[in-house]
Amino acid sequence: MGLVELTVSGLGRSLEYWQRAIGLRVLEREDGRATLGTDTPLLRFVEEPGARPDAGHTGLYHVAVLVPDRPTLARFLAHAARERVPLQGLSDHFVSEAIYLRDPDRHGIEVYADRPRPVWEGQVAERMTTEPIDVENLLGELDDPAAEPFPGLPDGTTMGHVHFRVADVDATVGFYRDVLGLDLMAQLGPAAAFLSAGGYHHHVGANTWESRGATPAPPGSATLRHATIILPDESERDRGVAAVADAGQEPEPSDGGLLVRDPSGNALLLAAS
């Protein structure tokens, strides 16, 4: 997964939060837009003054920022505790350990570290779960959590996955698996599905927990503009674009690739690496 573009109601407020609380850097800013990341651009914010937080529609459930290792996740948690950054949850998913937050526009955020791939490879459907993190064990990665410096998220941090709110899980699987060619790694009946390429536990998550049968967010909402799926090369990107066109949708040319939409209206930029 690549850069995710979001609408925000106040650019300055969002940049302050994502730098101070999350630890990303501003890579570019001009004309009501800003790009943040580490050594790789991860997010782009587009300011729409007065945009309202969205709930009950399709769109973004969370962006999932993947840090390079477990000690980095421990440093982030120690920082959040010291700075009293509000958290939404801390979960052990067997495949990964994750810390959840929300930004000022209520965009969902996951900061996570994967467990070593040999631990979970081939077992995602059976073993991926949600349990409480062993906080003491995680912070045990650090010599002194109270004094551990947090210079921000390090180089090598990536957009590990994007989790969408969708109207219908089966239709979503039909698009991401049968049209775009991702593998279905796990499904929770009509409630959620997790899909990926290359055997990863998931690059795309989708759920109907807040959005079953819903429509996209109305104008004036702080919401997802698009997520980016990076294909290995131009031929693979063109294959994906052709598959979407064969399914009856006309891809839209855009900077860096072509825009398509899943059955819930979530916009995806198909790009080549």
C-alpha atoms as a PDB file:
ATOM      1  CA  MET A   1       0.000   0.000   0.000  1.00  0.00           C
ATOM      2  CA  GLY A   2       1.117   3.536  -0.719  1.00  0.00           C
ATOM      3  CA  LEU A   3       0.103   7.074   0.097  1.00  0.00           C
ATOM      4  CA  VAL A   4      -3.371   7.715   1.556  1.00  0.00           C
ATOM      5  CA  GLU A   5      -5.057  11.048   0.911  1.00  0.00           C
ATOM      6  CA  LEU A   6      -7.556  12.440   3.432  1.00  0.00           C
ATOM      7  CA  THR A   7      -9.714  15.513   3.805  1.00  0.00           C
ATOM      8  CA  VAL A   8      -9.072  17.469   7.014  1.00  0.00           C
ATOM      9  CA  SER A   9     -10.908  20.448   8.458  1.00  0.00           C
ATOM     10  CA  GLY A  10      -7.834  22.355   9.620  1.00  0.00           C
ATOM     11  CA  LEU A  11      -4.441  21.692   8.093  1.00  0.00           C
ATOM     12  CA  GLY A  12      -2.433  23.287  10.874  1.00  0.00           C
ATOM     13  CA  ARG A  13      -4.277  21.324  13.543  1.00  0.00           C
ATOM     14  CA  SER A  14      -3.770  18.045  11.685  1.00  0.00           C
ATOM     15  CA  LEU A  15      -0.078  18.661  11.092  1.00  0.00           C
ATOM     16  CA  GLU A  16       0.477  19.506  14.745  1.00  0.00           C
ATOM     17  CA  TYR A  17      -1.191  16.270  15.842  1.00  0.00           C
ATOM     18  CA  TRP A  18       0.479  13.967  13.352  1.00  0.00           C
ATOM     19  CA  GLN A  19       3.912  15.402  14.092  1.00  0.00           C
ATOM     20  CA  ARG A  20       3.603  15.623  17.884  1.00  0.00           C
ATOM     21  CA  ALA A  21       1.464  12.566  18.652  1.00  0.00           C
ATOM     22  CA  ILE A  22       2.314  10.162  15.829  1.00  0.00           C
ATOM     23  CA  GLY A  23       5.835  11.255  14.958  1.00  0.00           C
ATOM     24  CA  LEU A  24       5.648  11.794  11.204  1.00  0.00           C
ATOM     25  CA  ARG A  25       7.483  14.595   9.397  1.00  0.00           C
ATOM     26  CA  VAL A  26       6.075  17.182   7.002  1.00  0.00           C
ATOM     27  CA  LEU A  27       7.680  16.471   3.643  1.00  0.00           C
ATOM     28  CA  GLU A  28       5.825  19.075   1.587  1.00  0.00           C
ATOM     29  CA  ARG A  29       3.262  21.803   2.215  1.00  0.00           C
ATOM     30  CA  GLU A  30       1.572  24.283  -0.104  1.00  0.00           C
ATOM     31  CA  ASP A  31      -1.849  25.636  -1.044  1.00  0.00           C
ATOM     32  CA  GLY A  32      -3.868  23.906   1.656  1.00  0.00           C
ATOM     33  CA  ARG A  33      -2.196  20.532   1.139  1.00  0.00           C
ATOM     34  CA  ALA A  34       0.578  18.724   2.972  1.00  0.00           C
ATOM     35  CA  THR A  35       2.381  15.410   2.648  1.00  0.00           C
ATOM     36  CA  LEU A  36       3.747  13.578   5.691  1.00  0.00           C
ATOM     37  CA  GLY A  37       5.934  10.530   6.129  1.00  0.00           C
ATOM     38  CA  THR A  38       9.435   9.424   7.072  1.00  0.00           C
ATOM     39  CA  ASP A  39      11.769   8.489   4.226  1.00  0.00           C
ATOM     40  CA  THR A  40       8.584   7.565   2.306  1.00  0.00           C
ATOM     41  CA  PRO A  41       5.446   9.714   1.828  1.00  0.00           C
ATOM     42  CA  LEU A  42       2.604   8.065   3.736  1.00  0.00           C
ATOM     43  CA  LEU A  43      -0.245  10.581   3.983  1.00  0.00           C
ATOM     44  CA  ARG A  44      -1.477  13.625   2.151  1.00  0.00           C
ATOM     45  CA  PHE A  45      -3.935  16.006   3.769  1.00  0.00           C
ATOM     46  CA  VAL A  46      -6.229  18.288   1.764  1.00  0.00           C
ATOM     47  CA  GLU A  47      -7.791  21.063   3.807  1.00  0.00           C
ATOM     48  CA  GLU A  48     -11.529  21.679   3.574  1.00  0.00           C
ATOM     49  CA  PRO A  49     -12.386  24.243   6.262  1.00  0.00           C
ATOM     50  CA  GLY A  50     -15.456  23.237   8.236  1.00  0.00           C
ATOM     51  CA  ALA A  51     -15.369  19.588   7.154  1.00  0.00           C
ATOM     52  CA  ARG A  52     -17.128  17.434   9.724  1.00  0.00           C
ATOM     53  CA  PRO A  53     -15.957  14.108  11.156  1.00  0.00           C
ATOM     54  CA  ASP A  54     -17.741  11.250   9.431  1.00  0.00           C
ATOM     55  CA  ALA A  55     -19.511   8.243  10.924  1.00  0.00           C
ATOM     56  CA  GLY A  56     -21.986   5.733   9.566  1.00  0.00           C
ATOM     57  CA  HIS A  57     -20.822   5.888   5.955  1.00  0.00           C
ATOM     58  CA  THR A  58     -18.386   3.943   3.835  1.00  0.00           C
ATOM     59  CA  GLY A  59     -14.836   5.265   3.748  1.00  0.00           C
ATOM     60  CA  LEU A  60     -11.784   4.957   5.954  1.00  0.00           C
ATOM     61  CA  TYR A  61     -11.809   2.754   9.043  1.00  0.00           C
ATOM     62  CA  HIS A  62      -8.124   3.329   9.707  1.00  0.00           C
ATOM     63  CA  VAL A  63      -4.753   3.852   8.119  1.00  0.00           C
ATOM     64  CA  ALA A  64      -2.202   1.372   9.478  1.00  0.00           C
ATOM     65  CA  VAL A  65       1.345   2.649   9.843  1.00  0.00           C
ATOM     66  CA  LEU A  66       3.805  -0.249  10.024  1.00  0.00           C
ATOM     67  CA  VAL A  67       6.956   0.421  12.061  1.00  0.00           C
ATOM     68  CA  PRO A  68      10.133  -1.565  11.410  1.00  0.00           C
ATOM     69  CA  ASP A  69      10.355  -3.548  14.642  1.00  0.00           C
ATOM     70  CA  ARG A  70       8.955  -4.209  18.120  1.00  0.00           C
ATOM     71  CA  PRO A  71      11.322  -1.832  19.987  1.00  0.00           C
ATOM     72  CA  THR A  72      10.043   1.003  17.770  1.00  0.00           C
ATOM     73  CA  LEU A  73       6.472   0.151  18.754  1.00  0.00           C
ATOM     74  CA  ALA A  74       7.542   0.124  22.405  1.00  0.00           C
ATOM     75  CA  ARG A  75       9.120   3.583  22.006  1.00  0.00           C
ATOM     76  CA  PHE A  76       5.904   4.851  20.467  1.00  0.00           C
ATOM     77  CA  LEU A  77       3.828   3.482  23.344  1.00  0.00           C
ATOM     78  CA  ALA A  78       6.183   4.957  25.950  1.00  0.00           C
ATOM     79  CA  HIS A  79       5.978   8.316  24.173  1.00  0.00           C
ATOM     80  CA  ALA A  80       2.169   8.168  24.045  1.00  0.00           C
ATOM     81  CA  ALA A  81       2.045   7.409  27.770  1.00  0.00           C
ATOM     82  CA  ARG A  82       4.443  10.216  28.712  1.00  0.00           C
ATOM     83  CA  GLU A  83       2.677  12.765  26.499  1.00  0.00           C
ATOM     84  CA  ARG A  84      -0.785  11.553  27.481  1.00  0.00           C
ATOM     85  CA  VAL A  85      -1.772  10.952  23.873  1.00  0.00           C
ATOM     86  CA  PRO A  86      -5.322   9.511  23.962  1.00  0.00           C
ATOM     87  CA  LEU A  87      -5.462   5.913  22.764  1.00  0.00           C
ATOM     88  CA  GLN A  88      -8.423   3.956  21.427  1.00  0.00           C
ATOM     89  CA  GLY A  89      -6.998   0.513  22.121  1.00  0.00           C
ATOM     90  CA  LEU A  90      -3.999  -1.807  22.263  1.00  0.00           C
ATOM     91  CA  SER A  91      -4.410  -5.174  20.556  1.00  0.00           C
ATOM     92  CA  ASP A  92      -2.416  -8.337  20.012  1.00  0.00           C
ATOM     93  CA  HIS A  93      -3.545  -9.818  16.687  1.00  0.00           C
ATOM     94  CA  PHE A  94      -1.113 -12.779  16.777  1.00  0.00           C
ATOM     95  CA  VAL A  95       0.252 -11.644  13.389  1.00  0.00           C
ATOM     96  CA  SER A  96       1.057  -8.213  14.832  1.00  0.00           C
ATOM     97  CA  GLU A  97       0.767  -5.907  17.837  1.00  0.00           C
ATOM     98  CA  ALA A  98      -1.147  -2.681  17.319  1.00  0.00           C
ATOM     99  CA  ILE A  99      -1.900   0.635  19.009  1.00  0.00           C
ATOM    100  CA  TYR A 100      -5.038   2.503  17.911  1.00  0.00           C
ATOM    101  CA  LEU A 101      -5.749   6.240  17.942  1.00  0.00           C
ATOM    102  CA  ARG A 102      -7.931   8.877  16.284  1.00  0.00           C
ATOM    103  CA  ASP A 103      -6.796  12.214  14.932  1.00  0.00           C
ATOM    104  CA  PRO A 104      -8.685  15.520  15.433  1.00  0.00           C
ATOM    105  CA  ASP A 105     -10.969  14.746  12.458  1.00  0.00           C
ATOM    106  CA  ARG A 106     -11.687  11.269  13.885  1.00  0.00           C
ATOM    107  CA  HIS A 107      -9.676   9.517  11.177  1.00  0.00           C
ATOM    108  CA  GLY A 108      -8.709   6.111  12.529  1.00  0.00           C
ATOM    109  CA  ILE A 109      -5.016   5.317  13.009  1.00  0.00           C
ATOM    110  CA  GLU A 110      -3.188   2.077  13.730  1.00  0.00           C
ATOM    111  CA  VAL A 111       0.518   2.064  14.574  1.00  0.00           C
ATOM    112  CA  TYR A 112       1.728  -1.520  14.516  1.00  0.00           C
ATOM    113  CA  ALA A 113       4.654  -3.918  14.339  1.00  0.00           C
ATOM    114  CA  ASP A 114       4.502  -7.317  12.693  1.00  0.00           C
ATOM    115  CA  ARG A 115       5.553 -10.484  14.408  1.00  0.00           C
ATOM    116  CA  PRO A 116       8.200 -12.400  12.432  1.00  0.00           C
ATOM    117  CA  ARG A 117       6.634 -13.848   9.314  1.00  0.00           C
ATOM    118  CA  PRO A 118       7.541 -17.491  10.128  1.00  0.00           C
ATOM    119  CA  VAL A 119       5.383 -17.183  13.268  1.00  0.00           C
ATOM    120  CA  TRP A 120       2.162 -16.637  11.341  1.00  0.00           C
ATOM    121  CA  GLU A 121       2.705 -17.445   7.668  1.00  0.00           C
ATOM    122  CA  GLY A 122       0.100 -19.914   6.429  1.00  0.00           C
ATOM    123  CA  GLN A 123      -1.944 -19.542   9.620  1.00  0.00           C
ATOM    124  CA  VAL A 124      -3.642 -16.170   9.130  1.00  0.00           C
ATOM    125  CA  ALA A 125      -7.199 -17.447   8.763  1.00  0.00           C
ATOM    126  CA  GLU A 126      -6.899 -19.708  11.804  1.00  0.00           C
ATOM    127  CA  ARG A 127      -4.799 -17.571  14.131  1.00  0.00           C
ATOM    128  CA  MET A 128      -5.407 -13.861  13.475  1.00  0.00           C
ATOM    129  CA  THR A 129      -7.330 -12.603  16.500  1.00  0.00           C
ATOM    130  CA  THR A 130      -7.773  -9.657  18.857  1.00  0.00           C
ATOM    131  CA  GLU A 131      -6.456  -9.955  22.395  1.00  0.00           C
ATOM    132  CA  PRO A 132      -5.054  -7.342  24.809  1.00  0.00           C
ATOM    133  CA  ILE A 133      -1.398  -6.449  24.351  1.00  0.00           C
ATOM    134  CA  ASP A 134       0.961  -7.523  27.110  1.00  0.00           C
ATOM    135  CA  VAL A 135       2.012  -3.936  27.833  1.00  0.00           C
ATOM    136  CA  GLU A 136       4.648  -4.883  30.399  1.00  0.00           C
ATOM    137  CA  ASN A 137       6.261  -7.297  27.974  1.00  0.00           C
ATOM    138  CA  LEU A 138       6.209  -4.761  25.142  1.00  0.00           C
ATOM    139  CA  LEU A 139       7.745  -1.995  27.238  1.00  0.00           C
ATOM    140  CA  GLY A 140      10.332  -4.550  28.373  1.00  0.00           C
ATOM    141  CA  GLU A 141      11.944  -3.985  24.970  1.00  0.00           C
ATOM    142  CA  LEU A 142      13.271  -0.698  26.435  1.00  0.00           C
ATOM    143  CA  ASP A 143      15.866  -0.153  29.150  1.00  0.00           C
ATOM    144  CA  ASP A 144      13.878   2.702  30.716  1.00  0.00           C
ATOM    145  CA  PRO A 145      10.494   3.490  29.118  1.00  0.00           C
ATOM    146  CA  ALA A 146      10.131   6.693  31.164  1.00  0.00           C
ATOM    147  CA  ALA A 147      13.344   8.106  29.728  1.00  0.00           C
ATOM    148  CA  GLU A 148      13.426   6.518  26.261  1.00  0.00           C
ATOM    149  CA  PRO A 149      13.713   9.290  23.655  1.00  0.00           C
ATOM    150  CA  PHE A 150      11.148   9.452  20.865  1.00  0.00           C
ATOM    151  CA  PRO A 151      12.595  11.310  17.872  1.00  0.00           C
ATOM    152  CA  GLY A 152       9.593  10.375  15.736  1.00  0.00           C
ATOM    153  CA  LEU A 153       8.822   7.318  13.650  1.00  0.00           C
ATOM    154  CA  PRO A 154      11.968   6.071  11.922  1.00  0.00           C
ATOM    155  CA  ASP A 155      12.904   5.633   8.298  1.00  0.00           C
ATOM    156  CA  GLY A 156      11.543   2.333   7.067  1.00  0.00           C
ATOM    157  CA  THR A 157       8.052   3.054   8.400  1.00  0.00           C
ATOM    158  CA  THR A 158       5.491   2.198   5.710  1.00  0.00           C
ATOM    159  CA  MET A 159       1.763   2.148   5.049  1.00  0.00           C
ATOM    160  CA  GLY A 160       1.299  -1.476   6.075  1.00  0.00           C
ATOM    161  CA  HIS A 161      -2.395  -1.745   5.270  1.00  0.00           C
ATOM    162  CA  VAL A 162      -5.554   0.287   4.866  1.00  0.00           C
ATOM    163  CA  HIS A 163      -8.810  -0.772   6.502  1.00  0.00           C
ATOM    164  CA  PHE A 164     -12.034   0.408   4.874  1.00  0.00           C
ATOM    165  CA  ARG A 165     -15.624   0.778   6.000  1.00  0.00           C
ATOM    166  CA  VAL A 166     -17.719  -0.964   3.356  1.00  0.00           C
ATOM    167  CA  ALA A 167     -21.384  -1.558   2.647  1.00  0.00           C
ATOM    168  CA  ASP A 168     -21.147  -5.283   1.857  1.00  0.00           C
ATOM    169  CA  VAL A 169     -18.275  -7.673   2.569  1.00  0.00           C
ATOM    170  CA  ASP A 170     -19.068 -10.234  -0.133  1.00  0.00           C
ATOM    171  CA  ALA A 171     -19.163  -7.557  -2.833  1.00  0.00           C
ATOM    172  CA  THR A 172     -15.908  -6.167  -1.466  1.00  0.00           C
ATOM    173  CA  VAL A 173     -14.223  -9.569  -1.642  1.00  0.00           C
ATOM    174  CA  GLY A 174     -15.536  -9.983  -5.172  1.00  0.00           C
ATOM    175  CA  PHE A 175     -13.780  -6.784  -6.195  1.00  0.00           C
ATOM    176  CA  TYR A 176     -10.448  -7.037  -4.403  1.00  0.00           C
ATOM    177  CA  ARG A 177     -10.019 -10.791  -4.977  1.00  0.00           C
ATOM    178  CA  ASP A 178     -11.781 -11.524  -8.243  1.00  0.00           C
ATOM    179  CA  VAL A 179     -11.032  -8.265 -10.065  1.00  0.00           C
ATOM    180  CA  LEU A 180      -7.807  -6.871  -8.571  1.00  0.00           C
ATOM    181  CA  GLY A 181      -6.353 -10.308  -7.809  1.00  0.00           C
ATOM    182  CA  LEU A 182      -5.632 -10.104  -4.084  1.00  0.00           C
ATOM    183  CA  ASP A 183      -5.833 -13.252  -1.969  1.00  0.00           C
ATOM    184  CA  LEU A 184      -8.522 -13.630   0.678  1.00  0.00           C
ATOM    185  CA  MET A 185      -6.577 -14.316   3.880  1.00  0.00           C
ATOM    186  CA  ALA A 186      -9.423 -14.361   6.403  1.00  0.00           C
ATOM    187  CA  GLN A 187     -13.132 -13.573   6.539  1.00  0.00           C
ATOM    188  CA  LEU A 188     -15.520 -13.099   9.437  1.00  0.00           C
ATOM    189  CA  GLY A 189     -18.733 -13.950   7.641  1.00  0.00           C
ATOM    190  CA  PRO A 190     -20.603 -10.849   6.466  1.00  0.00           C
ATOM    191  CA  ALA A 191     -18.784  -8.624   8.977  1.00  0.00           C
ATOM    192  CA  ALA A 192     -15.156  -8.322   7.838  1.00  0.00           C
ATOM    193  CA  ALA A 193     -12.545  -9.587   5.388  1.00  0.00           C
ATOM    194  CA  PHE A 194      -8.778  -9.306   5.063  1.00  0.00           C
ATOM    195  CA  LEU A 195      -6.964  -9.541   1.733  1.00  0.00           C
ATOM    196  CA  SER A 196      -3.371  -9.320   0.602  1.00  0.00           C
ATOM    197  CA  ALA A 197      -0.725 -10.019  -2.016  1.00  0.00           C
ATOM    198  CA  GLY A 198       2.334 -12.184  -1.541  1.00  0.00           C
ATOM    199  CA  GLY A 199       1.088 -14.050   1.523  1.00  0.00           C
ATOM    200  CA  TYR A 200       1.071 -11.011   3.833  1.00  0.00           C
ATOM    201  CA  HIS A 201      -1.576 -11.143   6.560  1.00  0.00           C
ATOM    202  CA  HIS A 202      -3.461  -8.231   5.001  1.00  0.00           C
ATOM    203  CA  HIS A 203      -2.903  -5.180   2.852  1.00  0.00           C
ATOM    204  CA  VAL A 204      -6.631  -4.425   2.747  1.00  0.00           C
ATOM    205  CA  GLY A 205      -9.123  -4.759   5.566  1.00  0.00           C
ATOM    206  CA  ALA A 206     -12.848  -4.223   5.120  1.00  0.00           C
ATOM    207  CA  ASN A 207     -15.706  -4.286   7.582  1.00  0.00           C
ATOM    208  CA  THR A 208     -19.391  -3.449   7.897  1.00  0.00           C
ATOM    209  CA  TRP A 209     -19.346  -2.846  11.667  1.00  0.00           C
ATOM    210  CA  GLU A 210     -20.451   0.785  11.220  1.00  0.00           C
ATOM    211  CA  SER A 211     -21.433   0.820   7.556  1.00  0.00           C
ATOM    212  CA  ARG A 212     -23.556  -2.148   6.466  1.00  0.00           C
ATOM    213  CA  GLY A 213     -25.621  -0.987   3.491  1.00  0.00           C
ATOM    214  CA  ALA A 214     -24.275   2.562   3.827  1.00  0.00           C
ATOM    215  CA  THR A 215     -23.378   5.111   1.176  1.00  0.00           C
ATOM    216  CA  PRO A 216     -20.204   7.216   0.884  1.00  0.00           C
ATOM    217  CA  ALA A 217     -19.798  10.236   3.128  1.00  0.00           C
ATOM    218  CA  PRO A 218     -21.649  13.372   2.005  1.00  0.00           C
ATOM    219  CA  PRO A 219     -19.887  16.508   0.788  1.00  0.00           C
ATOM    220  CA  GLY A 220     -18.386  18.540   3.601  1.00  0.00           C
ATOM    221  CA  SER A 221     -17.067  15.483   5.443  1.00  0.00           C
ATOM    222  CA  ALA A 222     -13.533  14.823   6.645  1.00  0.00           C
ATOM    223  CA  THR A 223     -13.084  11.544   4.822  1.00  0.00           C
ATOM    224  CA  LEU A 224     -10.976   9.332   2.584  1.00  0.00           C
ATOM    225  CA  ARG A 225     -10.067  10.844  -0.771  1.00  0.00           C
ATOM    226  CA  HIS A 226      -8.144   7.807  -1.964  1.00  0.00           C
ATOM    227  CA  ALA A 227      -5.765   5.050  -0.949  1.00  0.00           C
ATOM    228  CA  THR A 228      -2.933   3.889  -3.184  1.00  0.00           C
ATOM    229  CA  ILE A 229      -2.235   0.323  -4.264  1.00  0.00           C
ATOM    230  CA  ILE A 230       1.293   0.031  -5.643  1.00  0.00           C
ATOM    231  CA  LEU A 231       1.715  -2.683  -8.266  1.00  0.00           C
ATOM    232  CA  PRO A 232       5.170  -4.159  -9.014  1.00  0.00           C
ATOM    233  CA  ASP A 233       5.473  -2.540 -12.454  1.00  0.00           C
ATOM    234  CA  GLU A 234       3.513  -0.813 -15.199  1.00  0.00           C
ATOM    235  CA  SER A 235       2.403  -4.064 -16.798  1.00  0.00           C
ATOM    236  CA  GLU A 236       0.836  -5.238 -13.528  1.00  0.00           C
ATOM    237  CA  ARG A 237      -0.793  -1.849 -13.037  1.00  0.00           C
ATOM    238  CA  ASP A 238      -2.198  -1.994 -16.569  1.00  0.00           C
ATOM    239  CA  ARG A 239      -3.455  -5.527 -15.917  1.00  0.00           C
ATOM    240  CA  GLY A 240      -5.326  -4.284 -12.854  1.00  0.00           C
ATOM    241  CA  VAL A 241      -6.744  -1.311 -14.719  1.00  0.00           C
ATOM    242  CA  ALA A 242      -7.893  -3.572 -17.568  1.00  0.00           C
ATOM    243  CA  ALA A 243      -9.561  -5.956 -15.123  1.00  0.00           C
ATOM    244  CA  VAL A 244     -11.498  -3.078 -13.565  1.00  0.00           C
ATOM    245  CA  ALA A 245     -12.522  -1.851 -17.012  1.00  0.00           C
ATOM    246  CA  ASP A 246     -13.636  -5.369 -17.995  1.00  0.00           C
ATOM    247  CA  ALA A 247     -15.777  -5.407 -14.845  1.00  0.00           C
ATOM    248  CA  GLY A 248     -17.665  -2.395 -16.182  1.00  0.00           C
ATOM    249  CA  GLN A 249     -15.941   0.561 -14.546  1.00  0.00           C
ATOM    250  CA  GLU A 250     -14.061   3.284 -16.373  1.00  0.00           C
ATOM    251  CA  PRO A 251     -10.785   4.090 -14.570  1.00  0.00           C
ATOM    252  CA  GLU A 252     -10.015   7.800 -14.223  1.00  0.00           C
ATOM    253  CA  PRO A 253      -6.540   9.149 -15.076  1.00  0.00           C
ATOM    254  CA  SER A 254      -4.930  10.856 -12.077  1.00  0.00           C
ATOM    255  CA  ASP A 255      -1.502  12.041 -11.007  1.00  0.00           C
ATOM    256  CA  GLY A 256       0.643   8.970 -10.486  1.00  0.00           C
ATOM    257  CA  GLY A 257      -1.805   6.359 -11.775  1.00  0.00           C
ATOM    258  CA  LEU A 258      -5.462   5.647 -12.422  1.00  0.00           C
ATOM    259  CA  LEU A 259      -8.351   5.968  -9.997  1.00  0.00           C
ATOM    260  CA  VAL A 260     -10.877   3.169  -9.564  1.00  0.00           C
ATOM    261  CA  ARG A 261     -13.532   2.576  -6.922  1.00  0.00           C
ATOM    262  CA  ASP A 262     -14.513  -0.462  -4.929  1.00  0.00           C
ATOM    263  CA  PRO A 263     -18.222  -1.402  -4.681  1.00  0.00           C
ATOM    264  CA  SER A 264     -18.621   0.871  -1.632  1.00  0.00           C
ATOM    265  CA  GLY A 265     -17.260   3.917  -3.453  1.00  0.00           C
ATOM    266  CA  ASN A 266     -13.841   3.887  -1.793  1.00  0.00           C
ATOM    267  CA  ALA A 267     -11.361   5.399  -4.256  1.00  0.00           C
ATOM    268  CA  LEU A 268      -8.124   3.586  -5.060  1.00  0.00           C
ATOM    269  CA  LEU A 269      -5.176   4.924  -7.018  1.00  0.00           C
ATOM    270  CA  LEU A 270      -3.542   2.075  -8.950  1.00  0.00           C
ATOM    271  CA  ALA A 271       0.123   2.994  -9.365  1.00  0.00           C
ATOM    272  CA  ALA A 272       3.325   1.307 -10.520  1.00  0.00           C
ATOM    273  CA  SER A 273       6.397   1.118  -8.302  1.00  0.00           C
END
